[in-house]
C-alpha atoms as a PDB file:
ATOM      1  CA  MET A   1      58.293  -8.801  81.750  1.00  0.00           C
ATOM      2  CA  PHE A   2      59.387 -10.426  78.466  1.00  0.00           C
ATOM      3  CA  GLU A   3      61.778 -13.293  78.200  1.00  0.00           C
ATOM      4  CA  VAL A   4      64.184 -14.072  75.402  1.00  0.00           C
ATOM      5  CA  MET A   5      64.491 -17.853  74.500  1.00  0.00           C
ATOM      6  CA  GLU A   6      67.302 -19.507  72.533  1.00  0.00           C
ATOM      7  CA  PHE A   7      66.863 -23.084  71.079  1.00  0.00           C
ATOM      8  CA  VAL A   8      69.432 -25.025  69.383  1.00  0.00           C
ATOM      9  CA  GLU A   9      69.030 -28.192  67.369  1.00  0.00           C
ATOM     10  CA  HIS A  10      72.468 -29.905  66.875  1.00  0.00           C
ATOM     11  CA  ARG A  11      73.097 -31.051  63.435  1.00  0.00           C
ATOM     12  CA  ASP A  12      75.523 -33.955  64.616  1.00  0.00           C
ATOM     13  CA  ASP A  13      73.035 -35.062  67.219  1.00  0.00           C
ATOM     14  CA  PRO A  14      69.487 -35.144  65.451  1.00  0.00           C
ATOM     15  CA  GLY A  15      67.990 -37.708  67.990  1.00  0.00           C
ATOM     16  CA  LEU A  16      69.009 -35.538  71.239  1.00  0.00           C
ATOM     17  CA  PRO A  17      66.603 -32.931  72.689  1.00  0.00           C
ATOM     18  CA  VAL A  18      66.882 -29.411  71.649  1.00  0.00           C
ATOM     19  CA  ASP A  19      68.982 -27.221  73.967  1.00  0.00           C
ATOM     20  CA  GLU A  20      66.907 -24.520  75.351  1.00  0.00           C
ATOM     21  CA  ARG A  21      67.857 -21.535  77.498  1.00  0.00           C
ATOM     22  CA  VAL A  22      66.531 -18.301  78.797  1.00  0.00           C
ATOM     23  CA  ILE A  23      68.860 -15.467  77.582  1.00  0.00           C
ATOM     24  CA  GLY A  24      67.126 -12.823  79.902  1.00  0.00           C
ATOM     25  CA  THR A  25      64.127 -11.132  81.042  1.00  0.00           C
ATOM     26  CA  PHE A  26      63.439  -7.510  80.067  1.00  0.00           C
ATOM     27  CA  ASP A  27      60.740  -4.950  81.115  1.00  0.00           C
ATOM     28  CA  ASP A  28      59.847  -4.278  77.596  1.00  0.00           C
ATOM     29  CA  GLU A  29      59.302  -6.192  74.429  1.00  0.00           C
ATOM     30  CA  ALA A  30      61.573  -3.748  72.253  1.00  0.00           C
ATOM     31  CA  SER A  31      64.399  -4.322  74.562  1.00  0.00           C
ATOM     32  CA  ALA A  32      63.789  -8.193  74.464  1.00  0.00           C
ATOM     33  CA  VAL A  33      63.671  -8.140  70.712  1.00  0.00           C
ATOM     34  CA  GLU A  34      66.762  -6.198  70.380  1.00  0.00           C
ATOM     35  CA  ILE A  35      68.552  -8.760  72.700  1.00  0.00           C
ATOM     36  CA  GLY A  36      67.052 -11.679  70.683  1.00  0.00           C
ATOM     37  CA  ARG A  37      68.418 -10.074  67.403  1.00  0.00           C
ATOM     38  CA  GLY A  38      71.828  -9.692  68.964  1.00  0.00           C
ATOM     39  CA  ALA A  39      71.871 -13.243  70.148  1.00  0.00           C
ATOM     40  CA  ARG A  40      70.894 -14.429  66.606  1.00  0.00           C
ATOM     41  CA  ASN A  41      73.755 -12.214  65.060  1.00  0.00           C
ATOM     42  CA  GLN A  42      76.250 -13.647  67.343  1.00  0.00           C
ATOM     43  CA  PHE A  43      75.305 -17.183  66.605  1.00  0.00           C
ATOM     44  CA  LEU A  44      75.366 -16.465  62.867  1.00  0.00           C
ATOM     45  CA  THR A  45      79.127 -15.338  63.191  1.00  0.00           C
ATOM     46  CA  THR A  46      79.988 -18.769  64.484  1.00  0.00           C
ATOM     47  CA  LYS A  47      79.158 -20.286  61.138  1.00  0.00           C
ATOM     48  CA  SER A  48      77.526 -23.092  62.908  1.00  0.00           C
ATOM     49  CA  GLU A  49      75.596 -25.713  60.856  1.00  0.00           C
ATOM     50  CA  ASP A  50      73.216 -26.148  63.765  1.00  0.00           C
ATOM     51  CA  TYR A  51      69.714 -24.990  63.529  1.00  0.00           C
ATOM     52  CA  ALA A  52      68.695 -22.267  66.176  1.00  0.00           C
ATOM     53  CA  TRP A  53      66.000 -20.089  66.825  1.00  0.00           C
ATOM     54  CA  TRP A  54      64.976 -17.354  69.025  1.00  0.00           C
ATOM     55  CA  LEU A  55      61.686 -15.954  70.398  1.00  0.00           C
ATOM     56  CA  VAL A  56      60.442 -13.337  72.781  1.00  0.00           C
ATOM     57  CA  ARG A  57      57.347 -14.078  74.894  1.00  0.00           C
ATOM     58  CA  LEU A  58      55.933 -13.237  78.403  1.00  0.00           C
ATOM     59  CA  PRO A  59      57.189 -15.986  80.868  1.00  0.00           C
ATOM     60  CA  GLY A  60      55.518 -19.280  80.544  1.00  0.00           C
ATOM     61  CA  GLU A  61      53.438 -18.183  77.497  1.00  0.00           C
ATOM     62  CA  ARG A  62      52.963 -20.770  74.563  1.00  0.00           C
ATOM     63  CA  LEU A  63      52.575 -17.973  71.998  1.00  0.00           C
ATOM     64  CA  ALA A  64      55.809 -16.008  70.944  1.00  0.00           C
ATOM     65  CA  ARG A  65      55.701 -12.219  70.439  1.00  0.00           C
ATOM     66  CA  TRP A  66      58.681 -12.460  67.929  1.00  0.00           C
ATOM     67  CA  ILE A  67      60.461 -15.344  66.354  1.00  0.00           C
ATOM     68  CA  ALA A  68      63.648 -15.420  64.117  1.00  0.00           C
ATOM     69  CA  ASP A  69      65.865 -18.405  63.074  1.00  0.00           C
ATOM     70  CA  SER A  70      69.384 -19.114  61.789  1.00  0.00           C
ATOM     71  CA  HIS A  71      68.303 -20.242  58.443  1.00  0.00           C
ATOM     72  CA  SER A  72      66.620 -17.020  57.245  1.00  0.00           C
ATOM     73  CA  ASP A  73      66.768 -13.406  57.619  1.00  0.00           C
ATOM     74  CA  ARG A  74      63.002 -13.159  58.089  1.00  0.00           C
ATOM     75  CA  GLU A  75      61.497 -12.239  61.410  1.00  0.00           C
ATOM     76  CA  PHE A  76      57.801 -12.882  62.710  1.00  0.00           C
ATOM     77  CA  MET A  77      55.454 -11.701  65.095  1.00  0.00           C
ATOM     78  CA  LEU A  78      52.186 -13.494  66.007  1.00  0.00           C
ATOM     79  CA  ASP A  79      48.900 -11.732  65.410  1.00  0.00           C
ATOM     80  CA  LEU A  80      47.030 -12.805  68.591  1.00  0.00           C
ATOM     81  CA  THR A  81      43.614 -11.990  67.081  1.00  0.00           C
ATOM     82  CA  THR A  82      43.978 -14.471  64.257  1.00  0.00           C
ATOM     83  CA  GLY A  83      46.729 -16.706  65.616  1.00  0.00           C
ATOM     84  CA  GLN A  84      48.748 -16.213  62.126  1.00  0.00           C
ATOM     85  CA  LEU A  85      52.403 -15.380  61.837  1.00  0.00           C
ATOM     86  CA  VAL A  86      52.982 -11.937  60.283  1.00  0.00           C
ATOM     87  CA  GLU A  87      56.273 -11.180  59.013  1.00  0.00           C
ATOM     88  CA  VAL A  88      58.223  -8.104  60.400  1.00  0.00           C
ATOM     89  CA  PRO A  89      58.848  -5.662  57.516  1.00  0.00           C
END
């Protein structure tokens, strides 16, 4: 199972905790990434000035399998053998 997480840091409330929510859980990583991309695209259509990021991980893991944010078109995966972020081509 893979979970898609969304985190939002509100521009107008920088001292408040980041909003965090589980978007859903999926049987395969590819489906989870697809949903994460959809959530990112939906957020971008709102033209919000808040900063948001999305990730795919195994439930409870501290390491992400896929990461994207609202300020960049870049996406990343974590190379578990080196601990380095690798940009998704």
